[in-house]
Amino acid sequence: MAMTAIRTAPAVRDTLTRVVRPSWAILGALAFVTLLGVSIPVRWQYAPLVVSILLFGLPHGAIDHLTIPRARTHSVTTRSLATVGLLYLVLGGAFVAAWFVAPVASFVAFILLTWFHWGQGDLYVLYEMTPKTRLSSVHRILLVVVHGGLPMLVPLLAFPRIYRRVASLLVGTFRPGGVADIEWLFQPEMRLLLGVGFFLLVLATLALDWRRSRSLWRIDAVETTLLTVYFAAVPPILAIGVYFCVWHSLRHIARVVCLDDASVRELAEGNLKSPLRRFVHDATPLTVGALVLLAGLAVVVPSSPATTPEAVGLYLVFLAALTLPHVVVVTILDRVQGIW
């Protein structure tokens, strides 16, 4: 079934272009520097994830309570605010509880959920930047699987020991040694199977791109190649932190800023500062609230974080809890905007 929804204003595509091209440059430059043999100290590799607490990362979902009403051109009401608040309370709370009860399964669920969410974020960008393209459901699903898999799967294939260390860090906060339950995931045979299967999906997706639209194919080929090299070369902790801030989060911020009519008018006039200022104003209250909840989680976990890696691990668990309701909101937004 082809997409038939009306595309958004040219100002939206212009805004996305302002975001997409710098993100290409930043990730490309970091991959190039790494391939030259420049080594970044491990303690600095955590910096982007730490920075994401206040810059782009945590705030990018902090206006979920405004997103759907704006997308539907409805007023924000007490009922709409309460609905999103209840969504976060129920789903986020359930996911936090799941980490205490079944941390290994929760880690796997977090990876798969992030895989889908980061893929759906890139699908939106490809959709908006190729306005004359119509995609089948299979094609859209493949784009989500491939673009979500690049940051989630390629690091596993290229850096299995570090990937396992991060898994152990998250799972170990609730169940020390629990990562042994998924030891099979890091074995060479499994990684080979996953790598071959994923490579075939990439080829199939690019082939569909070529048949459907040369414009789509060019953008997708650039992004797929760039992300493959980037995640195969840059150490995973650093790679994910930078990607989360300047790729995924910044793209989503551009998307939700363009839901505000006043911001769209200002962007069309070349005014970028006012929309960003408005976003910061809208996102600040719930970002602060999230920080309070994060501090509370640090108090109640069985193994309180004592080092930077452990603190980052707890932050990732907290992000997992926020990601589930955030994905629900973004999925509804996809439907409203005709992505699916």
Protein backbone atom coordinates (compact mmCIF):
# COMPACT_ATOMS: atom_id res chain seq x y z
CA MET A 1 0.00 0.00 0.00
CA ALA A 2 1.52 3.33 -1.06
CA MET A 3 1.69 6.44 1.06
CA THR A 4 -0.92 9.00 0.09
CA ALA A 5 -0.72 11.60 2.89
CA ILE A 6 -0.14 15.25 2.09
CA ARG A 7 3.43 16.34 2.64
CA THR A 8 4.28 19.14 5.03
CA ALA A 9 5.50 22.62 4.17
CA PRO A 10 8.79 23.26 2.33
CA ALA A 11 10.00 25.02 5.49
CA VAL A 12 10.00 21.61 7.20
CA ARG A 13 12.23 20.07 4.54
CA ASP A 14 14.53 23.09 4.69
CA THR A 15 14.77 22.70 8.46
CA LEU A 16 15.53 18.99 8.18
CA THR A 17 18.24 19.75 5.62
CA ARG A 18 19.83 22.18 8.09
CA VAL A 19 19.96 19.35 10.60
CA VAL A 20 20.76 16.35 8.37
CA ARG A 21 23.80 17.69 6.55
CA PRO A 22 25.69 18.79 9.69
CA SER A 23 24.93 15.41 11.28
CA TRP A 24 26.47 13.70 8.24
CA ALA A 25 29.54 15.93 8.61
CA ILE A 26 29.96 15.33 12.35
CA LEU A 27 29.64 11.54 12.18
CA GLY A 28 31.76 11.38 9.03
CA ALA A 29 34.52 13.46 10.62
CA LEU A 30 34.55 11.32 13.76
CA ALA A 31 34.73 8.13 11.69
CA PHE A 32 37.55 9.58 9.58
CA VAL A 33 39.56 10.61 12.64
CA THR A 34 39.09 7.16 14.17
CA LEU A 35 40.15 5.41 10.96
CA LEU A 36 43.31 7.53 10.97
CA GLY A 37 44.20 5.82 14.23
CA VAL A 38 43.41 8.63 16.65
CA SER A 39 42.53 7.10 20.02
CA ILE A 40 40.07 8.84 22.33
CA PRO A 41 40.55 8.06 26.04
CA VAL A 42 37.81 5.85 27.44
CA ARG A 43 36.85 8.40 30.10
CA TRP A 44 36.04 10.91 27.35
CA GLN A 45 34.00 8.40 25.37
CA TYR A 46 31.24 8.70 27.98
CA ALA A 47 31.07 12.49 27.60
CA PRO A 48 28.41 12.65 24.81
CA LEU A 49 26.03 10.42 26.79
CA VAL A 50 26.56 12.57 29.89
CA VAL A 51 26.01 15.73 27.86
CA SER A 52 22.83 14.24 26.36
CA ILE A 53 21.16 14.50 29.76
CA LEU A 54 20.71 18.22 29.16
CA LEU A 55 21.59 18.73 25.49
CA PHE A 56 19.26 17.17 22.90
CA GLY A 57 19.10 13.63 24.35
CA LEU A 58 16.77 13.72 27.34
CA PRO A 59 14.99 16.95 26.24
CA HIS A 60 14.09 15.61 22.79
CA GLY A 61 11.14 13.69 24.24
CA ALA A 62 10.21 16.29 26.83
CA ILE A 63 7.45 17.89 24.77
CA ASP A 64 5.58 14.66 24.05
CA HIS A 65 2.62 16.15 25.91
CA LEU A 66 2.38 18.86 23.23
CA THR A 67 3.22 16.78 20.18
CA ILE A 68 -0.04 15.07 19.24
CA PRO A 69 -2.33 18.07 19.88
CA ARG A 70 -0.06 20.23 17.71
CA ALA A 71 0.09 17.58 14.98
CA ARG A 72 -3.70 17.45 14.95
CA THR A 73 -3.93 21.28 15.19
CA HIS A 74 -5.89 20.91 18.42
CA SER A 75 -5.52 22.93 21.58
CA VAL A 76 -3.52 21.44 24.43
CA THR A 77 -6.03 20.53 27.12
CA THR A 78 -5.89 19.19 30.65
CA ARG A 79 -7.17 15.89 29.28
CA SER A 80 -4.42 15.60 26.66
CA LEU A 81 -1.77 16.43 29.27
CA ALA A 82 -3.20 13.87 31.68
CA THR A 83 -3.31 11.21 28.95
CA VAL A 84 0.38 11.55 28.14
CA GLY A 85 1.25 11.77 31.84
CA LEU A 86 -0.67 8.54 32.52
CA LEU A 87 1.02 6.90 29.52
CA TYR A 88 4.45 7.68 30.93
CA LEU A 89 3.46 6.69 34.44
CA VAL A 90 2.04 3.30 33.44
CA LEU A 91 4.40 2.22 30.65
CA GLY A 92 7.53 3.87 32.04
CA GLY A 93 6.82 2.57 35.53
CA ALA A 94 6.16 -0.93 34.20
CA PHE A 95 9.46 -0.95 32.31
CA VAL A 96 11.38 0.19 35.40
CA ALA A 97 9.73 -2.59 37.40
CA ALA A 98 10.66 -5.08 34.67
CA TRP A 99 14.35 -4.26 35.14
CA PHE A 100 14.11 -5.30 38.79
CA VAL A 101 12.27 -8.53 37.96
CA ALA A 102 13.83 -9.60 34.63
CA PRO A 103 16.88 -7.44 33.80
CA VAL A 104 18.17 -9.65 30.96
CA ALA A 105 14.84 -9.68 29.14
CA SER A 106 14.52 -5.94 29.79
CA PHE A 107 17.92 -5.30 28.22
CA VAL A 108 16.96 -7.26 25.10
CA ALA A 109 13.63 -5.41 24.97
CA PHE A 110 15.45 -2.09 25.27
CA ILE A 111 17.70 -2.94 22.32
CA LEU A 112 14.77 -4.03 20.14
CA LEU A 113 12.67 -1.03 21.15
CA THR A 114 15.50 1.38 20.39
CA TRP A 115 16.13 -0.46 17.12
CA PHE A 116 12.55 0.24 16.06
CA HIS A 117 12.44 3.80 17.37
CA TRP A 118 15.68 4.98 15.76
CA GLY A 119 14.57 3.33 12.54
CA GLN A 120 11.20 5.09 12.61
CA GLY A 121 12.96 8.41 13.18
CA ASP A 122 15.04 7.97 10.04
CA LEU A 123 12.01 6.81 8.07
CA TYR A 124 10.34 10.15 8.80
CA VAL A 125 13.39 12.06 7.54
CA LEU A 126 13.57 10.02 4.33
CA TYR A 127 9.83 10.51 3.87
CA GLU A 128 10.02 14.28 4.19
CA MET A 129 13.19 14.75 2.15
CA THR A 130 11.85 12.85 -0.86
CA PRO A 131 8.39 14.44 -1.24
CA LYS A 132 7.41 12.77 -4.52
CA THR A 133 8.20 9.25 -3.39
CA ARG A 134 5.54 6.66 -2.56
CA LEU A 135 6.67 3.65 -0.55
CA SER A 136 5.08 0.26 -0.02
CA SER A 137 4.55 -1.08 3.50
CA VAL A 138 7.33 -3.66 2.97
CA HIS A 139 9.71 -0.93 1.85
CA ARG A 140 8.93 1.19 4.91
CA ILE A 141 9.42 -1.77 7.23
CA LEU A 142 12.79 -2.54 5.64
CA LEU A 143 13.88 1.08 6.05
CA VAL A 144 13.00 0.95 9.73
CA VAL A 145 14.81 -2.37 10.24
CA VAL A 146 17.95 -1.26 8.42
CA HIS A 147 18.24 2.23 9.86
CA GLY A 148 17.50 1.05 13.38
CA GLY A 149 19.87 -1.88 12.97
CA LEU A 150 22.86 0.22 11.95
CA PRO A 151 23.35 1.74 15.45
CA MET A 152 22.06 -1.31 17.34
CA LEU A 153 23.60 -4.22 15.41
CA VAL A 154 26.78 -3.01 13.73
CA PRO A 155 28.51 -2.25 17.08
CA LEU A 156 27.73 -5.81 18.18
CA LEU A 157 29.37 -7.16 15.04
CA ALA A 158 32.41 -4.88 15.22
CA PHE A 159 32.94 -4.58 19.01
CA PRO A 160 31.42 -7.66 20.70
CA ARG A 161 33.50 -7.35 23.87
CA ILE A 162 32.54 -3.74 24.48
CA TYR A 163 28.90 -4.51 23.63
CA ARG A 164 28.95 -7.31 26.18
CA ARG A 165 30.56 -5.01 28.75
CA VAL A 166 27.76 -2.47 28.32
CA ALA A 167 25.14 -5.22 28.56
CA SER A 168 26.80 -6.47 31.73
CA LEU A 169 26.82 -2.92 33.11
CA LEU A 170 23.08 -2.45 32.61
CA VAL A 171 22.01 -5.94 33.64
CA GLY A 172 24.52 -6.08 36.50
CA THR A 173 22.93 -3.07 38.17
CA PHE A 174 19.99 -5.37 38.98
CA ARG A 175 21.46 -8.86 38.66
CA PRO A 176 25.25 -9.25 38.77
CA GLY A 177 26.44 -11.84 36.27
CA GLY A 178 23.06 -12.00 34.56
CA VAL A 179 24.54 -11.21 31.14
CA ALA A 180 25.71 -14.83 31.00
CA ASP A 181 22.16 -15.72 29.97
CA ILE A 182 22.73 -14.07 26.58
CA GLU A 183 26.34 -15.12 26.11
CA TRP A 184 25.30 -16.87 22.88
CA LEU A 185 24.58 -13.48 21.34
CA PHE A 186 28.27 -12.53 21.39
CA GLN A 187 29.61 -15.74 19.87
CA PRO A 188 31.30 -15.53 16.42
CA GLU A 189 28.81 -17.90 14.78
CA MET A 190 25.81 -15.84 15.88
CA ARG A 191 27.44 -12.57 14.87
CA LEU A 192 28.26 -14.01 11.45
CA LEU A 193 24.66 -15.14 10.99
CA LEU A 194 23.33 -11.75 12.06
CA GLY A 195 25.82 -9.91 9.87
CA VAL A 196 25.01 -11.88 6.72
CA GLY A 197 21.26 -11.60 7.28
CA PHE A 198 21.48 -7.87 7.90
CA PHE A 199 23.68 -7.32 4.84
CA LEU A 200 21.04 -9.01 2.68
CA LEU A 201 18.36 -6.75 4.15
CA VAL A 202 20.49 -3.70 3.34
CA LEU A 203 20.89 -4.82 -0.27
CA ALA A 204 17.15 -5.48 -0.59
CA THR A 205 16.32 -2.06 0.82
CA LEU A 206 18.70 -0.21 -1.48
CA ALA A 207 17.36 -2.18 -4.45
CA LEU A 208 13.82 -1.06 -3.58
CA ASP A 209 15.09 2.51 -3.18
CA TRP A 210 16.58 2.38 -6.68
CA ARG A 211 13.35 1.10 -8.22
CA ARG A 212 11.19 3.64 -6.43
CA SER A 213 13.17 6.89 -6.48
CA ARG A 214 16.73 7.91 -7.41
CA SER A 215 16.47 10.76 -4.91
CA LEU A 216 15.57 8.37 -2.10
CA TRP A 217 18.30 5.96 -3.18
CA ARG A 218 20.98 8.67 -3.07
CA ILE A 219 20.05 9.83 0.43
CA ASP A 220 19.59 6.32 1.79
CA ALA A 221 22.81 5.03 0.21
CA VAL A 222 24.77 7.92 1.74
CA GLU A 223 23.27 7.45 5.19
CA THR A 224 23.55 3.65 5.16
CA THR A 225 27.19 3.76 4.04
CA LEU A 226 28.07 6.52 6.49
CA LEU A 227 26.42 4.83 9.48
CA THR A 228 27.93 1.44 8.63
CA VAL A 229 31.46 2.86 8.51
CA TYR A 230 30.83 5.05 11.55
CA PHE A 231 29.54 2.29 13.84
CA ALA A 232 32.13 -0.20 12.57
CA ALA A 233 35.00 2.21 13.30
CA VAL A 234 34.09 4.39 16.29
CA PRO A 235 34.07 2.78 19.77
CA PRO A 236 30.43 1.98 20.63
CA ILE A 237 30.01 4.12 23.76
CA LEU A 238 31.29 7.21 21.97
CA ALA A 239 29.50 6.33 18.73
CA ILE A 240 26.09 5.87 20.37
CA GLY A 241 26.46 9.02 22.48
CA VAL A 242 27.26 11.27 19.52
CA TYR A 243 24.62 9.61 17.32
CA PHE A 244 21.97 9.98 20.01
CA CYS A 245 22.64 13.71 20.37
CA VAL A 246 23.36 15.01 16.89
CA TRP A 247 21.53 12.46 14.74
CA HIS A 248 18.44 10.95 16.35
CA SER A 249 17.55 13.58 18.96
CA LEU A 250 18.29 16.61 16.81
CA ARG A 251 16.21 15.21 13.95
CA HIS A 252 13.28 14.60 16.28
CA ILE A 253 13.58 18.12 17.71
CA ALA A 254 13.45 19.51 14.16
CA ARG A 255 10.33 17.42 13.56
CA VAL A 256 8.42 18.56 16.63
CA VAL A 257 9.49 22.20 16.27
CA CYS A 258 7.86 22.13 12.85
CA LEU A 259 4.54 21.14 14.42
CA ASP A 260 4.24 24.62 15.87
CA ASP A 261 2.70 27.09 13.41
CA ALA A 262 4.60 30.09 14.76
CA SER A 263 7.89 28.21 14.50
CA VAL A 264 7.17 27.15 10.92
CA ARG A 265 6.54 30.78 9.94
CA GLU A 266 9.76 31.87 11.61
CA LEU A 267 11.75 29.08 9.99
CA ALA A 268 10.38 30.05 6.58
CA GLU A 269 11.77 33.55 7.25
CA GLY A 270 15.17 32.13 8.15
CA ASN A 271 14.72 32.66 11.89
CA LEU A 272 16.12 29.65 13.72
CA LYS A 273 16.73 31.17 17.16
CA SER A 274 13.09 31.81 18.13
CA PRO A 275 11.87 28.24 17.42
CA LEU A 276 14.78 26.79 19.35
CA ARG A 277 14.16 29.17 22.23
CA ARG A 278 10.51 28.12 22.26
CA PHE A 279 11.47 24.45 22.25
CA VAL A 280 13.83 24.95 25.21
CA HIS A 281 11.06 26.74 27.09
CA ASP A 282 8.57 23.93 26.38
CA ALA A 283 11.01 21.09 27.15
CA THR A 284 12.59 22.45 30.34
CA PRO A 285 9.87 21.54 32.91
CA LEU A 286 9.69 17.84 32.02
CA THR A 287 13.46 17.61 31.54
CA VAL A 288 13.90 18.82 35.11
CA GLY A 289 11.20 16.41 36.26
CA ALA A 290 12.99 13.54 34.52
CA LEU A 291 16.23 14.44 36.29
CA VAL A 292 14.45 14.23 39.64
CA LEU A 293 13.12 10.77 38.75
CA LEU A 294 16.57 9.68 37.61
CA ALA A 295 18.01 10.71 40.98
CA GLY A 296 15.26 8.72 42.68
CA LEU A 297 16.06 5.64 40.61
CA ALA A 298 19.72 5.93 41.63
CA VAL A 299 18.63 5.64 45.26
CA VAL A 300 16.45 2.53 44.92
CA VAL A 301 18.50 0.32 42.56
CA PRO A 302 20.18 -2.69 44.22
CA SER A 303 23.66 -1.55 43.16
CA SER A 304 24.06 2.22 43.42
CA PRO A 305 26.36 3.72 40.76
CA ALA A 306 29.83 4.58 42.07
CA THR A 307 31.71 5.23 38.81
CA THR A 308 31.01 7.12 35.58
CA PRO A 309 30.30 3.90 33.60
CA GLU A 310 27.88 2.71 36.28
CA ALA A 311 26.14 6.10 36.35
CA VAL A 312 25.83 6.06 32.56
CA GLY A 313 24.50 2.51 32.74
CA LEU A 314 21.77 3.63 35.14
CA TYR A 315 20.99 6.58 32.84
CA LEU A 316 20.52 4.16 29.96
CA VAL A 317 18.12 2.07 32.04
CA PHE A 318 16.19 5.26 32.79
CA LEU A 319 16.16 6.11 29.07
CA ALA A 320 14.74 2.65 28.41
CA ALA A 321 11.81 3.44 30.71
CA LEU A 322 11.20 6.76 28.94
CA THR A 323 11.63 5.26 25.48
CA LEU A 324 8.61 2.94 25.69
CA PRO A 325 5.94 5.67 26.16
CA HIS A 326 7.91 7.99 23.85
CA VAL A 327 7.71 5.37 21.09
CA VAL A 328 3.95 5.18 21.55
CA VAL A 329 3.66 8.97 21.13
CA VAL A 330 5.93 9.00 18.06
CA THR A 331 4.04 6.08 16.52
CA ILE A 332 0.78 8.00 16.90
CA LEU A 333 2.52 11.02 15.37
CA ASP A 334 3.61 8.85 12.43
CA ARG A 335 -0.01 7.88 11.85
CA VAL A 336 -1.24 11.47 12.10
CA GLN A 337 1.40 12.64 9.61
CA GLY A 338 0.70 9.78 7.21
CA ILE A 339 4.02 7.96 7.55
CA TRP A 340 2.09 4.68 7.92
